[in-house]
PDB file of N, CA and C in Angstrom:
ATOM      1  N   UNK A   1       1.062  -0.907   0.133  1.00  0.00           N
ATOM      2  CA  UNK A   1      -0.046   0.382   0.265  1.00  0.00           C
ATOM      3  C   UNK A   1       0.699   1.139  -0.027  1.00  0.00           C
ATOM      4  N   UNK A   2       0.279   1.874  -0.836  1.00  0.00           N
ATOM      5  CA  UNK A   2       1.286   3.534  -0.884  1.00  0.00           C
ATOM      6  C   UNK A   2       0.697   4.279   0.501  1.00  0.00           C
ATOM      7  N   UNK A   3       1.819   5.080   0.255  1.00  0.00           N
ATOM      8  CA  UNK A   3       1.317   6.280   1.248  1.00  0.00           C
ATOM      9  C   UNK A   3       0.260   7.243   1.590  1.00  0.00           C
ATOM     10  N   UNK A   4      -0.438   7.664   0.261  1.00  0.00           N
ATOM     11  CA  UNK A   4      -1.388   8.240   0.337  1.00  0.00           C
ATOM     12  C   UNK A   4      -2.280   7.365   0.337  1.00  0.00           C
ATOM     13  N   UNK A   5      -2.580   6.068  -0.189  1.00  0.00           N
ATOM     14  CA  UNK A   5      -3.702   4.928   0.284  1.00  0.00           C
ATOM     15  C   UNK A   5      -3.758   5.179   1.504  1.00  0.00           C
ATOM     16  N   UNK A   6      -3.070   4.584   2.266  1.00  0.00           N
ATOM     17  CA  UNK A   6      -2.935   4.414   3.616  1.00  0.00           C
ATOM     18  C   UNK A   6      -3.231   5.901   4.545  1.00  0.00           C
ATOM     19  N   UNK A   7      -2.676   6.630   4.494  1.00  0.00           N
ATOM     20  CA  UNK A   7      -3.510   8.103   4.807  1.00  0.00           C
ATOM     21  C   UNK A   7      -4.728   8.281   4.321  1.00  0.00           C
ATOM     22  N   UNK A   8      -5.429   8.459   3.095  1.00  0.00           N
ATOM     23  CA  UNK A   8      -7.049   8.237   2.847  1.00  0.00           C
ATOM     24  C   UNK A   8      -7.729   7.383   3.810  1.00  0.00           C
ATOM     25  N   UNK A   9      -7.106   6.414   3.995  1.00  0.00           N
ATOM     26  CA  UNK A   9      -7.761   5.335   4.591  1.00  0.00           C
ATOM     27  C   UNK A   9      -8.064   5.390   6.209  1.00  0.00           C
ATOM     28  N   UNK A  10      -6.726   5.937   6.849  1.00  0.00           N
ATOM     29  CA  UNK A  10      -6.739   6.711   7.786  1.00  0.00           C
ATOM     30  C   UNK A  10      -8.036   7.694   8.256  1.00  0.00           C
ATOM     31  N   UNK A  11      -7.872   8.594   7.217  1.00  0.00           N
ATOM     32  CA  UNK A  11      -8.859   9.789   7.771  1.00  0.00           C
ATOM     33  C   UNK A  11     -10.246   9.352   7.054  1.00  0.00           C
ATOM     34  N   UNK A  12     -10.574   8.241   6.714  1.00  0.00           N
ATOM     35  CA  UNK A  12     -12.054   7.703   7.123  1.00  0.00           C
ATOM     36  C   UNK A  12     -12.274   6.869   8.079  1.00  0.00           C
ATOM     37  N   UNK A  13     -11.413   6.727   8.927  1.00  0.00           N
ATOM     38  CA  UNK A  13     -11.103   5.245   9.863  1.00  0.00           C
ATOM     39  C   UNK A  13     -11.157   5.749  11.380  1.00  0.00           C
ATOM     40  N   UNK A  14     -10.416   6.913  11.587  1.00  0.00           N
ATOM     41  CA  UNK A  14      -9.994   7.254  12.932  1.00  0.00           C
ATOM     42  C   UNK A  14     -10.724   8.862  13.081  1.00  0.00           C
ATOM     43  N   UNK A  15     -11.035   9.196  14.252  1.00  0.00           N
ATOM     44  CA  UNK A  15     -10.832  10.771  14.723  1.00  0.00           C
ATOM     45  C   UNK A  15      -9.943  11.060  14.818  1.00  0.00           C
ATOM     46  N   UNK A  16      -9.675  12.643  14.180  1.00  0.00           N
ATOM     47  CA  UNK A  16      -8.816  13.291  14.047  1.00  0.00           C
ATOM     48  C   UNK A  16      -8.160  14.047  15.472  1.00  0.00           C
ATOM     49  N   UNK A  17      -7.606  13.162  16.144  1.00  0.00           N
ATOM     50  CA  UNK A  17      -7.473  14.074  17.736  1.00  0.00           C
ATOM     51  C   UNK A  17      -6.530  14.558  17.848  1.00  0.00           C
ATOM     52  N   UNK A  18      -5.475  14.394  17.118  1.00  0.00           N
ATOM     53  CA  UNK A  18      -3.796  14.689  16.891  1.00  0.00           C
ATOM     54  C   UNK A  18      -3.265  15.052  15.527  1.00  0.00           C
ATOM     55  N   UNK A  19      -2.365  15.449  15.519  1.00  0.00           N
ATOM     56  CA  UNK A  19      -1.488  15.792  14.213  1.00  0.00           C
ATOM     57  C   UNK A  19      -0.870  14.429  14.040  1.00  0.00           C
ATOM     58  N   UNK A  20      -0.213  14.167  12.930  1.00  0.00           N
ATOM     59  CA  UNK A  20       0.769  13.404  12.563  1.00  0.00           C
ATOM     60  C   UNK A  20       1.783  13.739  11.896  1.00  0.00           C
ATOM     61  N   UNK A  21       2.947  12.799  11.642  1.00  0.00           N
ATOM     62  CA  UNK A  21       4.156  13.331  10.716  1.00  0.00           C
ATOM     63  C   UNK A  21       3.578  12.499   9.751  1.00  0.00           C
ATOM     64  N   UNK A  22       4.231  13.060   8.567  1.00  0.00           N
ATOM     65  CA  UNK A  22       3.872  12.657   7.082  1.00  0.00           C
ATOM     66  C   UNK A  22       4.837  11.640   6.734  1.00  0.00           C
ATOM     67  N   UNK A  23       4.800  10.422   7.580  1.00  0.00           N
ATOM     68  CA  UNK A  23       5.736   9.176   7.372  1.00  0.00           C
ATOM     69  C   UNK A  23       4.692   8.190   7.507  1.00  0.00           C
ATOM     70  N   UNK A  24       4.673   7.190   6.890  1.00  0.00           N
ATOM     71  CA  UNK A  24       3.825   5.828   7.227  1.00  0.00           C
ATOM     72  C   UNK A  24       4.858   4.764   7.454  1.00  0.00           C
ATOM     73  N   UNK A  25       5.071   4.360   8.675  1.00  0.00           N
ATOM     74  CA  UNK A  25       6.140   3.253   9.078  1.00  0.00           C
ATOM     75  C   UNK A  25       5.602   1.860   8.882  1.00  0.00           C
ATOM     76  N   UNK A  26       6.628   0.956   8.343  1.00  0.00           N
ATOM     77  CA  UNK A  26       6.201   0.223   7.869  1.00  0.00           C
ATOM     78  C   UNK A  26       6.626  -1.347   8.747  1.00  0.00           C
ATOM     79  N   UNK A  27       8.030  -1.112   9.029  1.00  0.00           N
ATOM     80  CA  UNK A  27       8.753  -2.453   9.963  1.00  0.00           C
ATOM     81  C   UNK A  27       9.703  -1.820  10.603  1.00  0.00           C
ATOM     82  N   UNK A  28      10.212  -2.279  11.567  1.00  0.00           N
ATOM     83  CA  UNK A  28      11.882  -2.240  12.329  1.00  0.00           C
ATOM     84  C   UNK A  28      12.441  -2.742  12.536  1.00  0.00           C
ATOM     85  N   UNK A  29      13.660  -2.223  13.050  1.00  0.00           N
ATOM     86  CA  UNK A  29      14.574  -3.713  13.155  1.00  0.00           C
ATOM     87  C   UNK A  29      15.753  -3.169  14.226  1.00  0.00           C
ATOM     88  N   UNK A  30      15.846  -3.775  15.602  1.00  0.00           N
ATOM     89  CA  UNK A  30      16.464  -2.588  16.610  1.00  0.00           C
ATOM     90  C   UNK A  30      15.919  -1.238  16.731  1.00  0.00           C
ATOM     91  N   UNK A  31      17.040  -0.646  16.748  1.00  0.00           N
ATOM     92  CA  UNK A  31      16.691   1.005  17.035  1.00  0.00           C
ATOM     93  C   UNK A  31      16.232   1.674  15.534  1.00  0.00           C
ATOM     94  N   UNK A  32      15.999   1.026  15.027  1.00  0.00           N
ATOM     95  CA  UNK A  32      15.890   1.776  13.436  1.00  0.00           C
ATOM     96  C   UNK A  32      14.383   1.324  12.905  1.00  0.00           C
ATOM     97  N   UNK A  33      13.862   2.193  12.173  1.00  0.00           N
ATOM     98  CA  UNK A  33      12.268   2.524  11.513  1.00  0.00           C
ATOM     99  C   UNK A  33      12.415   2.393  10.242  1.00  0.00           C
ATOM    100  N   UNK A  34      11.757   1.711   9.515  1.00  0.00           N
ATOM    101  CA  UNK A  34      11.647   2.128   8.235  1.00  0.00           C
ATOM    102  C   UNK A  34      10.233   2.066   7.278  1.00  0.00           C
ATOM    103  N   UNK A  35      10.132   3.285   6.442  1.00  0.00           N
ATOM    104  CA  UNK A  35       8.997   3.748   5.830  1.00  0.00           C
ATOM    105  C   UNK A  35       8.456   2.740   4.833  1.00  0.00           C
ATOM    106  N   UNK A  36       7.547   3.434   3.874  1.00  0.00           N
ATOM    107  CA  UNK A  36       6.415   2.193   2.646  1.00  0.00           C
ATOM    108  C   UNK A  36       7.548   2.318   2.482  1.00  0.00           C
ATOM    109  N   UNK A  37       8.576   3.236   1.887  1.00  0.00           N
ATOM    110  CA  UNK A  37       9.433   3.409   0.909  1.00  0.00           C
ATOM    111  C   UNK A  37      11.011   2.664   1.070  1.00  0.00           C
ATOM    112  N   UNK A  38      10.984   2.304   2.326  1.00  0.00           N
ATOM    113  CA  UNK A  38      12.032   1.625   2.926  1.00  0.00           C
ATOM    114  C   UNK A  38      13.306   2.496   3.156  1.00  0.00           C
ATOM    115  N   UNK A  39      12.598   4.156   3.397  1.00  0.00           N
ATOM    116  CA  UNK A  39      13.663   4.952   4.044  1.00  0.00           C
ATOM    117  C   UNK A  39      14.099   4.832   5.482  1.00  0.00           C
ATOM    118  N   UNK A  40      15.048   4.794   6.010  1.00  0.00           N
ATOM    119  CA  UNK A  40      15.246   4.458   7.533  1.00  0.00           C
ATOM    120  C   UNK A  40      15.624   5.661   8.100  1.00  0.00           C
ATOM    121  N   UNK A  41      15.336   5.560   9.515  1.00  0.00           N
ATOM    122  CA  UNK A  41      14.949   6.521  10.152  1.00  0.00           C
ATOM    123  C   UNK A  41      15.407   5.928  11.895  1.00  0.00           C
ATOM    124  N   UNK A  42      15.771   6.737  12.471  1.00  0.00           N
ATOM    125  CA  UNK A  42      16.167   6.218  14.174  1.00  0.00           C
ATOM    126  C   UNK A  42      14.649   6.425  14.837  1.00  0.00           C
ATOM    127  N   UNK A  43      14.691   5.417  15.931  1.00  0.00           N
ATOM    128  CA  UNK A  43      13.644   5.484  16.362  1.00  0.00           C
ATOM    129  C   UNK A  43      13.774   6.041  17.741  1.00  0.00           C
ATOM    130  N   UNK A  44      13.454   7.718  17.804  1.00  0.00           N
ATOM    131  CA  UNK A  44      14.351   8.433  18.968  1.00  0.00           C
ATOM    132  C   UNK A  44      12.541   8.560  19.189  1.00  0.00           C
ATOM    133  N   UNK A  45      11.154   8.540  19.411  1.00  0.00           N
ATOM    134  CA  UNK A  45       9.847   8.715  19.713  1.00  0.00           C
ATOM    135  C   UNK A  45       9.766   8.000  21.095  1.00  0.00           C
ATOM    136  N   UNK A  46       8.853   8.776  21.747  1.00  0.00           N
ATOM    137  CA  UNK A  46       8.023   7.772  22.940  1.00  0.00           C
ATOM    138  C   UNK A  46       6.575   8.392  23.034  1.00  0.00           C
ATOM    139  N   UNK A  47       5.742   7.584  23.545  1.00  0.00           N
ATOM    140  CA  UNK A  47       4.582   7.983  24.233  1.00  0.00           C
ATOM    141  C   UNK A  47       4.148   6.924  25.067  1.00  0.00           C
ATOM    142  N   UNK A  48       2.914   7.071  24.810  1.00  0.00           N
ATOM    143  CA  UNK A  48       1.717   6.112  25.386  1.00  0.00           C
ATOM    144  C   UNK A  48       2.214   4.515  24.915  1.00  0.00           C
ATOM    145  N   UNK A  49       2.017   3.669  26.344  1.00  0.00           N
ATOM    146  CA  UNK A  49       3.027   2.438  25.619  1.00  0.00           C
ATOM    147  C   UNK A  49       3.915   2.194  25.373  1.00  0.00           C
ATOM    148  N   UNK A  50       4.391   3.276  25.589  1.00  0.00           N
ATOM    149  CA  UNK A  50       6.110   3.351  25.330  1.00  0.00           C
ATOM    150  C   UNK A  50       6.771   1.942  25.022  1.00  0.00           C
ATOM    151  N   UNK A  51       7.923   1.184  23.916  1.00  0.00           N
ATOM    152  CA  UNK A  51       8.482   0.125  23.989  1.00  0.00           C
ATOM    153  C   UNK A  51      10.070   0.859  23.770  1.00  0.00           C
ATOM    154  N   UNK A  52      10.593   0.626  24.895  1.00  0.00           N
ATOM    155  CA  UNK A  52      12.137   1.009  25.045  1.00  0.00           C
ATOM    156  C   UNK A  52      12.987  -0.495  24.587  1.00  0.00           C
ATOM    157  N   UNK A  53      12.613  -1.163  23.898  1.00  0.00           N
ATOM    158  CA  UNK A  53      13.224  -2.098  23.980  1.00  0.00           C
ATOM    159  C   UNK A  53      13.733  -2.381  22.200  1.00  0.00           C
ATOM    160  N   UNK A  54      13.318  -1.902  21.546  1.00  0.00           N
ATOM    161  CA  UNK A  54      13.551  -2.065  20.010  1.00  0.00           C
ATOM    162  C   UNK A  54      12.756  -2.448  18.990  1.00  0.00           C
ATOM    163  N   UNK A  55      12.915  -3.119  18.158  1.00  0.00           N
ATOM    164  CA  UNK A  55      12.121  -3.755  17.193  1.00  0.00           C
ATOM    165  C   UNK A  55      12.573  -4.935  16.155  1.00  0.00           C
ATOM    166  N   UNK A  56      11.938  -6.199  16.624  1.00  0.00           N
ATOM    167  CA  UNK A  56      12.328  -7.564  15.943  1.00  0.00           C
ATOM    168  C   UNK A  56      13.011  -8.055  16.255  1.00  0.00           C
ATOM    169  N   UNK A  57      13.727  -7.861  17.880  1.00  0.00           N
ATOM    170  CA  UNK A  57      14.680  -8.684  18.486  1.00  0.00           C
ATOM    171  C   UNK A  57      14.410 -10.062  18.454  1.00  0.00           C
ATOM    172  N   UNK A  58      15.035 -11.239  17.965  1.00  0.00           N
ATOM    173  CA  UNK A  58      14.479 -12.436  17.992  1.00  0.00           C
ATOM    174  C   UNK A  58      13.879 -13.139  19.141  1.00  0.00           C
ATOM    175  N   UNK A  59      15.017 -12.977  20.113  1.00  0.00           N
ATOM    176  CA  UNK A  59      14.285 -13.358  21.652  1.00  0.00           C
ATOM    177  C   UNK A  59      13.480 -12.577  22.433  1.00  0.00           C
ATOM    178  N   UNK A  60      13.147 -11.280  21.471  1.00  0.00           N
ATOM    179  CA  UNK A  60      12.451 -10.771  22.543  1.00  0.00           C
ATOM    180  C   UNK A  60      10.685 -11.125  21.756  1.00  0.00           C
ATOM    181  N   UNK A  61      10.352 -11.446  20.516  1.00  0.00           N
ATOM    182  CA  UNK A  61       9.541 -11.998  19.626  1.00  0.00           C
ATOM    183  C   UNK A  61       9.043 -13.407  19.920  1.00  0.00           C
ATOM    184  N   UNK A  62      10.335 -14.023  20.341  1.00  0.00           N
ATOM    185  CA  UNK A  62      10.028 -15.527  20.877  1.00  0.00           C
ATOM    186  C   UNK A  62       9.568 -15.259  22.305  1.00  0.00           C
ATOM    187  N   UNK A  63       9.786 -14.903  23.641  1.00  0.00           N
ATOM    188  CA  UNK A  63       9.015 -14.062  24.340  1.00  0.00           C
ATOM    189  C   UNK A  63       7.958 -13.587  24.134  1.00  0.00           C
ATOM    190  N   UNK A  64       7.383 -12.874  24.254  1.00  0.00           N
ATOM    191  CA  UNK A  64       6.460 -12.576  23.504  1.00  0.00           C
ATOM    192  C   UNK A  64       4.906 -13.614  23.043  1.00  0.00           C
ATOM    193  N   UNK A  65       5.531 -13.997  21.836  1.00  0.00           N
ATOM    194  CA  UNK A  65       4.418 -15.322  21.109  1.00  0.00           C
ATOM    195  C   UNK A  65       4.693 -16.402  22.257  1.00  0.00           C
ATOM    196  N   UNK A  66       5.357 -16.801  23.262  1.00  0.00           N
ATOM    197  CA  UNK A  66       5.131 -17.530  24.325  1.00  0.00           C
ATOM    198  C   UNK A  66       4.424 -17.065  24.955  1.00  0.00           C
ATOM    199  N   UNK A  67       3.943 -15.385  25.762  1.00  0.00           N
ATOM    200  CA  UNK A  67       3.231 -15.334  26.578  1.00  0.00           C
ATOM    201  C   UNK A  67       1.695 -15.130  25.990  1.00  0.00           C
ATOM    202  N   UNK A  68       2.027 -14.526  25.072  1.00  0.00           N
ATOM    203  CA  UNK A  68       0.358 -14.432  24.188  1.00  0.00           C
ATOM    204  C   UNK A  68      -0.672 -15.404  23.830  1.00  0.00           C
ATOM    205  N   UNK A  69       0.764 -16.714  23.732  1.00  0.00           N
ATOM    206  CA  UNK A  69       0.139 -17.777  23.564  1.00  0.00           C
ATOM    207  C   UNK A  69      -0.929 -18.148  24.573  1.00  0.00           C
ATOM    208  N   UNK A  70      -0.651 -17.912  26.237  1.00  0.00           N
ATOM    209  CA  UNK A  70      -1.239 -18.439  27.381  1.00  0.00           C
ATOM    210  C   UNK A  70      -2.246 -17.188  27.484  1.00  0.00           C
ATOM    211  N   UNK A  71      -1.506 -16.104  27.813  1.00  0.00           N
ATOM    212  CA  UNK A  71      -2.180 -14.632  28.308  1.00  0.00           C
ATOM    213  C   UNK A  71      -1.738 -13.085  27.536  1.00  0.00           C
ATOM    214  N   UNK A  72      -2.626 -13.140  26.879  1.00  0.00           N
ATOM    215  CA  UNK A  72      -2.373 -11.596  26.204  1.00  0.00           C
ATOM    216  C   UNK A  72      -2.200 -10.518  27.430  1.00  0.00           C
ATOM    217  N   UNK A  73      -3.195 -10.575  28.238  1.00  0.00           N
ATOM    218  CA  UNK A  73      -3.420  -9.129  28.906  1.00  0.00           C
ATOM    219  C   UNK A  73      -4.414  -9.505  30.480  1.00  0.00           C
ATOM    220  N   UNK A  74      -3.463  -9.409  31.625  1.00  0.00           N
ATOM    221  CA  UNK A  74      -4.310  -9.390  32.567  1.00  0.00           C
ATOM    222  C   UNK A  74      -4.245  -8.070  33.446  1.00  0.00           C
ATOM    223  N   UNK A  75      -5.212  -7.815  34.194  1.00  0.00           N
ATOM    224  CA  UNK A  75      -5.183  -6.267  34.744  1.00  0.00           C
ATOM    225  C   UNK A  75      -4.562  -6.637  35.918  1.00  0.00           C
ATOM    226  N   UNK A  76      -3.630  -5.671  36.604  1.00  0.00           N
ATOM    227  CA  UNK A  76      -3.028  -6.308  37.834  1.00  0.00           C
ATOM    228  C   UNK A  76      -4.114  -6.191  39.253  1.00  0.00           C
ATOM    229  N   UNK A  77      -5.452  -6.059  38.701  1.00  0.00           N
ATOM    230  CA  UNK A  77      -6.078  -6.411  40.020  1.00  0.00           C
ATOM    231  C   UNK A  77      -5.891  -8.354  40.195  1.00  0.00           C
ATOM    232  N   UNK A  78      -5.238  -8.867  39.285  1.00  0.00           N
ATOM    233  CA  UNK A  78      -4.980 -10.351  39.652  1.00  0.00           C
ATOM    234  C   UNK A  78      -3.888 -10.848  39.494  1.00  0.00           C
ATOM    235  N   UNK A  79      -3.369 -11.591  40.211  1.00  0.00           N
ATOM    236  CA  UNK A  79      -2.024 -12.430  40.394  1.00  0.00           C
ATOM    237  C   UNK A  79      -1.868 -13.192  39.116  1.00  0.00           C
ATOM    238  N   UNK A  80      -0.513 -13.200  38.235  1.00  0.00           N
ATOM    239  CA  UNK A  80      -0.167 -14.013  37.655  1.00  0.00           C
ATOM    240  C   UNK A  80       1.268 -13.895  37.420  1.00  0.00           C
ATOM    241  N   UNK A  81       1.745 -15.207  36.875  1.00  0.00           N
ATOM    242  CA  UNK A  81       3.393 -15.621  37.438  1.00  0.00           C
ATOM    243  C   UNK A  81       4.201 -14.354  36.548  1.00  0.00           C
ATOM    244  N   UNK A  82       3.867 -14.740  35.471  1.00  0.00           N
ATOM    245  CA  UNK A  82       5.070 -13.415  35.051  1.00  0.00           C
ATOM    246  C   UNK A  82       5.203 -12.052  35.751  1.00  0.00           C
ATOM    247  N   UNK A  83       3.959 -11.458  36.191  1.00  0.00           N
ATOM    248  CA  UNK A  83       4.541  -9.924  37.247  1.00  0.00           C
ATOM    249  C   UNK A  83       5.326 -10.322  38.220  1.00  0.00           C
ATOM    250  N   UNK A  84       5.458 -11.805  38.378  1.00  0.00           N
ATOM    251  CA  UNK A  84       6.278 -12.137  39.964  1.00  0.00           C
ATOM    252  C   UNK A  84       8.038 -12.676  39.555  1.00  0.00           C
ATOM    253  N   UNK A  85       7.816 -12.534  38.333  1.00  0.00           N
ATOM    254  CA  UNK A  85       8.833 -13.544  38.218  1.00  0.00           C
ATOM    255  C   UNK A  85      10.407 -12.897  37.511  1.00  0.00           C
ATOM    256  N   UNK A  86      10.074 -11.408  37.554  1.00  0.00           N
ATOM    257  CA  UNK A  86      11.193 -10.597  36.859  1.00  0.00           C
ATOM    258  C   UNK A  86      12.188 -10.174  37.794  1.00  0.00           C
TER     259      UNK A  86
END
């Protein structure tokens, strides 16, 4: 999908509660992000639900896959093994 098609679809699907940069991210690896055209960026952003672990790290992907196969998310109102295994 090209950038303009993606942007037009977004305009029809989401409320416009904040501005966006004119960049459509496609994938990441480590601290690098890549747009739909393959242009490389260093990921220096943060926000709600911040990920400071990079992108696509094999051990992280495996750990996440194993966890979501068991339990995707649980409120901290309940006890779970992963929260005490740190």
